[in-house]
Amino acid sequence: MNSTLQQEIILEEGKLTKASTVIDLEALDRLYADDIMMTNVLGHGCLKSAIMDEARRGIAERQAAAAAGTPIETSYTKEDLQVVGQGDTAITSYRFVVKLKAAALNLDRTYRTTNVWMRRDGRWRVVGGHT
């Protein structure tokens, strides 16, 4: 695989990690293709609208917790990132660890994710994924 392609995708995955961690709606909207096909951790298919709705729900929950005086501490890290690609398509696979802590919450989860990236109009976007 082309090392430039691999570096580009690693950079894009970094942007996705940051956007997911801070729930940056504008960045998520840019990174996810409008026609994305995603399978979530429960095995349900979802479209971009559902992904963005979940992000908005996350923002609302964080804001409500902060207003109540119980802010939520979060971390989201990727491990074992693998990239394969050819031309304008790349696939990533990685393990990600999500941690959430609040007054009555201590969540520590590890998942495996695969993303399918395509370069469209000069920009990389996630067009498919499975967690």
N, C-alpha and C. Protein backbone atom coordinates (compact mmCIF):
# COMPACT_ATOMS: atom_id res chain seq x y z
N MET A 1 0.85 -1.19 0.00
CA MET A 1 0.00 0.00 0.00
C MET A 1 0.88 1.24 0.00
N ASN A 2 0.40 2.26 -0.63
CA ASN A 2 1.06 3.55 -0.72
C ASN A 2 1.17 4.18 0.68
N SER A 3 2.39 4.57 1.08
CA SER A 3 2.58 5.13 2.43
C SER A 3 1.90 6.50 2.56
N THR A 4 1.77 7.26 1.48
CA THR A 4 1.07 8.54 1.52
C THR A 4 -0.40 8.32 1.83
N LEU A 5 -1.00 7.33 1.18
CA LEU A 5 -2.40 6.99 1.45
C LEU A 5 -2.58 6.59 2.91
N GLN A 6 -1.69 5.76 3.42
CA GLN A 6 -1.77 5.33 4.81
C GLN A 6 -1.68 6.53 5.75
N GLN A 7 -0.76 7.44 5.50
CA GLN A 7 -0.61 8.63 6.35
C GLN A 7 -1.85 9.51 6.30
N GLU A 8 -2.43 9.67 5.10
CA GLU A 8 -3.64 10.47 4.97
C GLU A 8 -4.78 9.88 5.80
N ILE A 9 -4.94 8.58 5.73
CA ILE A 9 -6.04 7.93 6.44
C ILE A 9 -5.82 7.97 7.95
N ILE A 10 -4.58 7.79 8.37
CA ILE A 10 -4.29 7.89 9.81
C ILE A 10 -4.62 9.30 10.31
N LEU A 11 -4.31 10.31 9.51
CA LEU A 11 -4.66 11.69 9.86
C LEU A 11 -6.18 11.86 9.95
N GLU A 12 -6.90 11.30 8.99
CA GLU A 12 -8.37 11.39 9.01
C GLU A 12 -8.95 10.65 10.21
N GLU A 13 -8.40 9.50 10.54
CA GLU A 13 -8.86 8.77 11.74
C GLU A 13 -8.61 9.60 13.00
N GLY A 14 -7.50 10.33 13.02
CA GLY A 14 -7.24 11.23 14.14
C GLY A 14 -8.28 12.32 14.26
N LYS A 15 -8.69 12.87 13.11
CA LYS A 15 -9.75 13.89 13.11
C LYS A 15 -11.06 13.30 13.61
N LEU A 16 -11.34 12.06 13.19
CA LEU A 16 -12.57 11.40 13.62
C LEU A 16 -12.54 11.13 15.13
N THR A 17 -11.38 10.72 15.64
CA THR A 17 -11.24 10.49 17.08
C THR A 17 -11.51 11.78 17.86
N LYS A 18 -10.89 12.87 17.43
CA LYS A 18 -11.08 14.15 18.12
C LYS A 18 -12.54 14.59 18.05
N ALA A 19 -13.13 14.51 16.85
CA ALA A 19 -14.52 14.94 16.70
C ALA A 19 -15.46 14.09 17.55
N SER A 20 -15.18 12.80 17.66
CA SER A 20 -16.01 11.90 18.47
C SER A 20 -15.84 12.18 19.95
N THR A 21 -14.62 12.48 20.36
CA THR A 21 -14.34 12.72 21.78
C THR A 21 -15.05 13.97 22.29
N VAL A 22 -14.95 15.05 21.53
CA VAL A 22 -15.55 16.32 21.97
C VAL A 22 -16.96 16.51 21.41
N ILE A 23 -17.42 15.58 20.61
CA ILE A 23 -18.71 15.62 19.92
C ILE A 23 -18.83 16.93 19.13
N ASP A 24 -17.95 17.07 18.16
CA ASP A 24 -17.93 18.21 17.25
C ASP A 24 -18.85 17.89 16.07
N LEU A 25 -20.06 18.41 16.11
CA LEU A 25 -21.06 18.09 15.10
C LEU A 25 -20.63 18.49 13.70
N GLU A 26 -20.02 19.65 13.56
CA GLU A 26 -19.59 20.10 12.23
C GLU A 26 -18.52 19.18 11.66
N ALA A 27 -17.56 18.79 12.48
CA ALA A 27 -16.50 17.88 12.01
C ALA A 27 -17.08 16.51 11.67
N LEU A 28 -17.96 16.00 12.51
CA LEU A 28 -18.58 14.70 12.22
C LEU A 28 -19.37 14.76 10.92
N ASP A 29 -20.07 15.86 10.70
CA ASP A 29 -20.84 16.02 9.47
C ASP A 29 -19.93 16.01 8.24
N ARG A 30 -18.75 16.61 8.36
CA ARG A 30 -17.78 16.61 7.25
C ARG A 30 -17.15 15.24 7.04
N LEU A 31 -16.88 14.52 8.10
CA LEU A 31 -16.17 13.25 8.01
C LEU A 31 -17.07 12.09 7.57
N TYR A 32 -18.33 12.13 7.95
CA TYR A 32 -19.26 11.06 7.56
C TYR A 32 -19.95 11.45 6.26
N ALA A 33 -19.93 10.56 5.28
CA ALA A 33 -20.62 10.79 4.01
C ALA A 33 -22.12 10.84 4.26
N ASP A 34 -22.82 11.60 3.42
CA ASP A 34 -24.27 11.68 3.56
C ASP A 34 -24.95 10.34 3.36
N ASP A 35 -24.33 9.47 2.56
CA ASP A 35 -24.93 8.16 2.27
C ASP A 35 -24.25 7.02 3.03
N ILE A 36 -23.68 7.32 4.19
CA ILE A 36 -22.98 6.32 4.99
C ILE A 36 -23.91 5.16 5.36
N MET A 37 -23.34 3.96 5.38
CA MET A 37 -24.03 2.77 5.89
C MET A 37 -23.23 2.30 7.10
N MET A 38 -23.83 2.36 8.27
CA MET A 38 -23.14 2.01 9.50
C MET A 38 -23.91 0.92 10.21
N THR A 39 -23.20 -0.02 10.81
CA THR A 39 -23.80 -1.03 11.67
C THR A 39 -23.28 -0.75 13.08
N ASN A 40 -24.20 -0.56 14.03
CA ASN A 40 -23.78 -0.19 15.39
C ASN A 40 -23.49 -1.43 16.24
N VAL A 41 -23.14 -1.19 17.50
CA VAL A 41 -22.72 -2.27 18.39
C VAL A 41 -23.83 -3.28 18.68
N LEU A 42 -25.07 -2.90 18.45
CA LEU A 42 -26.18 -3.82 18.67
C LEU A 42 -26.56 -4.56 17.39
N GLY A 43 -25.81 -4.32 16.30
CA GLY A 43 -26.07 -4.99 15.04
C GLY A 43 -27.14 -4.33 14.19
N HIS A 44 -27.55 -3.12 14.56
CA HIS A 44 -28.56 -2.39 13.81
C HIS A 44 -27.90 -1.49 12.77
N GLY A 45 -28.47 -1.45 11.59
CA GLY A 45 -28.00 -0.53 10.58
C GLY A 45 -28.50 0.87 10.87
N CYS A 46 -27.69 1.85 10.57
CA CYS A 46 -28.14 3.22 10.77
C CYS A 46 -27.55 4.13 9.71
N LEU A 47 -28.27 5.21 9.45
CA LEU A 47 -27.88 6.19 8.47
C LEU A 47 -27.22 7.39 9.17
N LYS A 48 -26.75 8.32 8.38
CA LYS A 48 -26.09 9.49 8.94
C LYS A 48 -26.99 10.25 9.92
N SER A 49 -28.26 10.35 9.60
CA SER A 49 -29.18 11.07 10.48
C SER A 49 -29.19 10.46 11.88
N ALA A 50 -29.16 9.15 11.99
CA ALA A 50 -29.15 8.49 13.30
C ALA A 50 -27.83 8.71 14.02
N ILE A 51 -26.73 8.70 13.27
CA ILE A 51 -25.42 8.96 13.88
C ILE A 51 -25.38 10.38 14.45
N MET A 52 -25.87 11.33 13.69
CA MET A 52 -25.86 12.73 14.14
C MET A 52 -26.84 12.94 15.30
N ASP A 53 -27.99 12.27 15.27
CA ASP A 53 -28.94 12.36 16.39
C ASP A 53 -28.31 11.83 17.67
N GLU A 54 -27.56 10.73 17.57
CA GLU A 54 -26.89 10.18 18.75
C GLU A 54 -25.83 11.15 19.27
N ALA A 55 -25.13 11.81 18.38
CA ALA A 55 -24.15 12.81 18.80
C ALA A 55 -24.83 13.97 19.53
N ARG A 56 -25.96 14.43 19.00
CA ARG A 56 -26.70 15.51 19.66
C ARG A 56 -27.19 15.07 21.04
N ARG A 57 -27.62 13.82 21.14
CA ARG A 57 -28.06 13.29 22.44
C ARG A 57 -26.90 13.28 23.43
N GLY A 58 -25.72 12.92 22.95
CA GLY A 58 -24.53 12.93 23.81
C GLY A 58 -24.20 14.32 24.31
N ILE A 59 -24.32 15.31 23.44
CA ILE A 59 -24.08 16.70 23.85
C ILE A 59 -25.09 17.10 24.92
N ALA A 60 -26.36 16.79 24.69
CA ALA A 60 -27.41 17.15 25.65
C ALA A 60 -27.17 16.49 27.01
N GLU A 61 -26.75 15.23 27.00
CA GLU A 61 -26.48 14.53 28.26
C GLU A 61 -25.31 15.17 29.00
N ARG A 62 -24.27 15.52 28.29
CA ARG A 62 -23.12 16.18 28.92
C ARG A 62 -23.51 17.53 29.49
N GLN A 63 -24.31 18.29 28.74
CA GLN A 63 -24.74 19.60 29.22
C GLN A 63 -25.64 19.49 30.44
N ALA A 64 -26.55 18.52 30.44
CA ALA A 64 -27.44 18.32 31.58
C ALA A 64 -26.66 17.90 32.82
N ALA A 65 -25.67 17.04 32.63
CA ALA A 65 -24.85 16.61 33.77
C ALA A 65 -24.05 17.78 34.33
N ALA A 66 -23.50 18.61 33.46
CA ALA A 66 -22.73 19.77 33.92
C ALA A 66 -23.63 20.76 34.65
N ALA A 67 -24.84 20.98 34.13
CA ALA A 67 -25.79 21.90 34.77
C ALA A 67 -26.21 21.39 36.14
N ALA A 68 -26.26 20.07 36.29
CA ALA A 68 -26.64 19.47 37.57
C ALA A 68 -25.45 19.39 38.53
N GLY A 69 -24.29 19.82 38.09
CA GLY A 69 -23.10 19.78 38.95
C GLY A 69 -22.40 18.44 38.94
N THR A 70 -22.73 17.58 38.00
CA THR A 70 -22.08 16.27 37.89
C THR A 70 -21.53 16.08 36.48
N PRO A 71 -20.51 16.84 36.14
CA PRO A 71 -19.97 16.70 34.79
C PRO A 71 -19.47 15.28 34.51
N ILE A 72 -19.49 14.92 33.25
CA ILE A 72 -19.06 13.59 32.83
C ILE A 72 -17.65 13.70 32.26
N GLU A 73 -16.73 12.91 32.79
CA GLU A 73 -15.38 12.82 32.25
C GLU A 73 -15.38 11.74 31.18
N THR A 74 -14.81 12.03 30.03
CA THR A 74 -14.80 11.06 28.95
C THR A 74 -13.41 10.91 28.36
N SER A 75 -13.15 9.72 27.85
CA SER A 75 -11.96 9.51 27.04
C SER A 75 -12.31 8.50 25.96
N TYR A 76 -11.63 8.63 24.83
CA TYR A 76 -11.87 7.79 23.67
C TYR A 76 -10.51 7.61 23.01
N THR A 77 -10.01 6.40 23.06
CA THR A 77 -8.69 6.15 22.47
C THR A 77 -8.77 4.99 21.49
N LYS A 78 -7.91 5.07 20.47
CA LYS A 78 -7.83 4.01 19.47
C LYS A 78 -6.53 3.25 19.67
N GLU A 79 -6.63 1.93 19.50
CA GLU A 79 -5.46 1.06 19.61
C GLU A 79 -5.44 0.13 18.40
N ASP A 80 -4.26 -0.33 18.05
CA ASP A 80 -4.10 -1.34 17.00
C ASP A 80 -4.73 -0.90 15.69
N LEU A 81 -4.47 0.34 15.27
CA LEU A 81 -5.01 0.87 14.03
C LEU A 81 -4.30 0.24 12.84
N GLN A 82 -5.09 -0.39 11.98
CA GLN A 82 -4.58 -1.01 10.76
C GLN A 82 -5.25 -0.31 9.57
N VAL A 83 -4.48 -0.08 8.50
CA VAL A 83 -5.00 0.59 7.31
C VAL A 83 -4.61 -0.21 6.07
N VAL A 84 -5.58 -0.45 5.21
CA VAL A 84 -5.31 -1.00 3.88
C VAL A 84 -6.06 -0.13 2.89
N GLY A 85 -5.48 0.04 1.72
CA GLY A 85 -6.16 0.90 0.76
C GLY A 85 -5.58 0.79 -0.63
N GLN A 86 -6.34 1.32 -1.55
CA GLN A 86 -5.94 1.35 -2.95
C GLN A 86 -6.70 2.50 -3.59
N GLY A 87 -5.97 3.38 -4.27
CA GLY A 87 -6.62 4.47 -4.99
C GLY A 87 -7.39 5.39 -4.06
N ASP A 88 -8.69 5.51 -4.32
CA ASP A 88 -9.55 6.42 -3.55
C ASP A 88 -10.37 5.72 -2.48
N THR A 89 -9.95 4.52 -2.08
CA THR A 89 -10.66 3.76 -1.06
C THR A 89 -9.68 3.20 -0.05
N ALA A 90 -10.05 3.27 1.22
CA ALA A 90 -9.22 2.70 2.28
C ALA A 90 -10.13 2.11 3.35
N ILE A 91 -9.61 1.12 4.04
CA ILE A 91 -10.34 0.48 5.13
C ILE A 91 -9.46 0.53 6.37
N THR A 92 -10.07 0.93 7.48
CA THR A 92 -9.35 0.93 8.75
C THR A 92 -10.02 -0.06 9.70
N SER A 93 -9.22 -0.62 10.56
CA SER A 93 -9.71 -1.50 11.61
C SER A 93 -8.95 -1.13 12.87
N TYR A 94 -9.64 -1.01 13.97
CA TYR A 94 -8.98 -0.64 15.23
C TYR A 94 -9.86 -1.04 16.41
N ARG A 95 -9.23 -1.07 17.54
CA ARG A 95 -9.92 -1.29 18.81
C ARG A 95 -10.04 0.09 19.45
N PHE A 96 -11.24 0.43 19.94
CA PHE A 96 -11.34 1.70 20.65
C PHE A 96 -11.90 1.48 22.04
N VAL A 97 -11.37 2.29 22.93
CA VAL A 97 -11.73 2.20 24.34
C VAL A 97 -12.45 3.49 24.72
N VAL A 98 -13.64 3.34 25.27
CA VAL A 98 -14.44 4.47 25.72
C VAL A 98 -14.56 4.39 27.23
N LYS A 99 -14.27 5.50 27.88
CA LYS A 99 -14.43 5.57 29.34
C LYS A 99 -15.28 6.79 29.68
N LEU A 100 -16.26 6.57 30.53
CA LEU A 100 -17.13 7.64 31.02
C LEU A 100 -17.18 7.55 32.53
N LYS A 101 -16.98 8.70 33.18
CA LYS A 101 -17.07 8.73 34.64
C LYS A 101 -17.92 9.92 35.06
N ALA A 102 -18.82 9.66 35.98
CA ALA A 102 -19.65 10.69 36.60
C ALA A 102 -19.99 10.20 38.00
N ALA A 103 -20.83 10.95 38.67
CA ALA A 103 -21.16 10.62 40.06
C ALA A 103 -21.60 9.16 40.23
N ALA A 104 -22.55 8.71 39.45
CA ALA A 104 -23.06 7.34 39.59
C ALA A 104 -22.76 6.50 38.35
N LEU A 105 -21.69 6.84 37.68
CA LEU A 105 -21.39 6.16 36.42
C LEU A 105 -19.89 5.91 36.31
N ASN A 106 -19.55 4.68 35.99
CA ASN A 106 -18.16 4.33 35.72
C ASN A 106 -18.17 3.28 34.62
N LEU A 107 -18.10 3.76 33.38
CA LEU A 107 -18.22 2.90 32.22
C LEU A 107 -16.87 2.77 31.53
N ASP A 108 -16.50 1.55 31.23
CA ASP A 108 -15.23 1.28 30.54
C ASP A 108 -15.52 0.19 29.51
N ARG A 109 -15.57 0.57 28.23
CA ARG A 109 -15.93 -0.37 27.17
C ARG A 109 -14.86 -0.40 26.08
N THR A 110 -14.65 -1.57 25.51
CA THR A 110 -13.73 -1.74 24.40
C THR A 110 -14.50 -2.35 23.24
N TYR A 111 -14.33 -1.76 22.06
CA TYR A 111 -15.01 -2.20 20.85
C TYR A 111 -14.00 -2.38 19.72
N ARG A 112 -14.37 -3.10 18.70
CA ARG A 112 -13.58 -3.22 17.47
C ARG A 112 -14.41 -2.57 16.36
N THR A 113 -13.78 -1.72 15.58
CA THR A 113 -14.48 -0.99 14.52
C THR A 113 -13.75 -1.14 13.19
N THR A 114 -14.52 -1.17 12.12
CA THR A 114 -14.01 -1.11 10.76
C THR A 114 -14.68 0.07 10.08
N ASN A 115 -13.88 0.93 9.47
CA ASN A 115 -14.40 2.05 8.68
C ASN A 115 -13.97 1.90 7.24
N VAL A 116 -14.85 2.27 6.33
CA VAL A 116 -14.53 2.32 4.92
C VAL A 116 -14.49 3.79 4.52
N TRP A 117 -13.33 4.22 4.04
CA TRP A 117 -13.11 5.60 3.64
C TRP A 117 -13.07 5.68 2.11
N MET A 118 -13.67 6.75 1.56
CA MET A 118 -13.56 7.01 0.12
C MET A 118 -13.21 8.49 -0.06
N ARG A 119 -12.35 8.73 -1.04
CA ARG A 119 -12.03 10.12 -1.38
C ARG A 119 -13.06 10.57 -2.41
N ARG A 120 -13.79 11.61 -2.04
CA ARG A 120 -14.82 12.18 -2.91
C ARG A 120 -14.58 13.69 -2.99
N ASP A 121 -14.56 14.20 -4.19
CA ASP A 121 -14.35 15.64 -4.38
C ASP A 121 -13.12 16.13 -3.62
N GLY A 122 -12.07 15.28 -3.60
CA GLY A 122 -10.81 15.66 -2.97
C GLY A 122 -10.76 15.53 -1.46
N ARG A 123 -11.84 15.03 -0.83
CA ARG A 123 -11.86 14.88 0.63
C ARG A 123 -12.19 13.44 1.01
N TRP A 124 -11.56 12.97 2.07
CA TRP A 124 -11.85 11.63 2.59
C TRP A 124 -13.11 11.69 3.45
N ARG A 125 -13.98 10.69 3.26
CA ARG A 125 -15.20 10.58 4.06
C ARG A 125 -15.43 9.11 4.41
N VAL A 126 -16.00 8.88 5.57
CA VAL A 126 -16.40 7.52 5.95
C VAL A 126 -17.71 7.21 5.24
N VAL A 127 -17.71 6.16 4.41
CA VAL A 127 -18.92 5.78 3.67
C VAL A 127 -19.56 4.51 4.24
N GLY A 128 -18.83 3.80 5.09
CA GLY A 128 -19.36 2.59 5.69
C GLY A 128 -18.60 2.25 6.94
N GLY A 129 -19.24 1.51 7.81
CA GLY A 129 -18.57 1.13 9.04
C GLY A 129 -19.33 0.07 9.80
N HIS A 130 -18.62 -0.55 10.71
CA HIS A 130 -19.21 -1.60 11.54
C HIS A 130 -18.48 -1.59 12.88
N THR A 131 -19.25 -1.59 13.95
CA THR A 131 -18.66 -1.66 15.28
C THR A 131 -19.18 -2.90 15.96
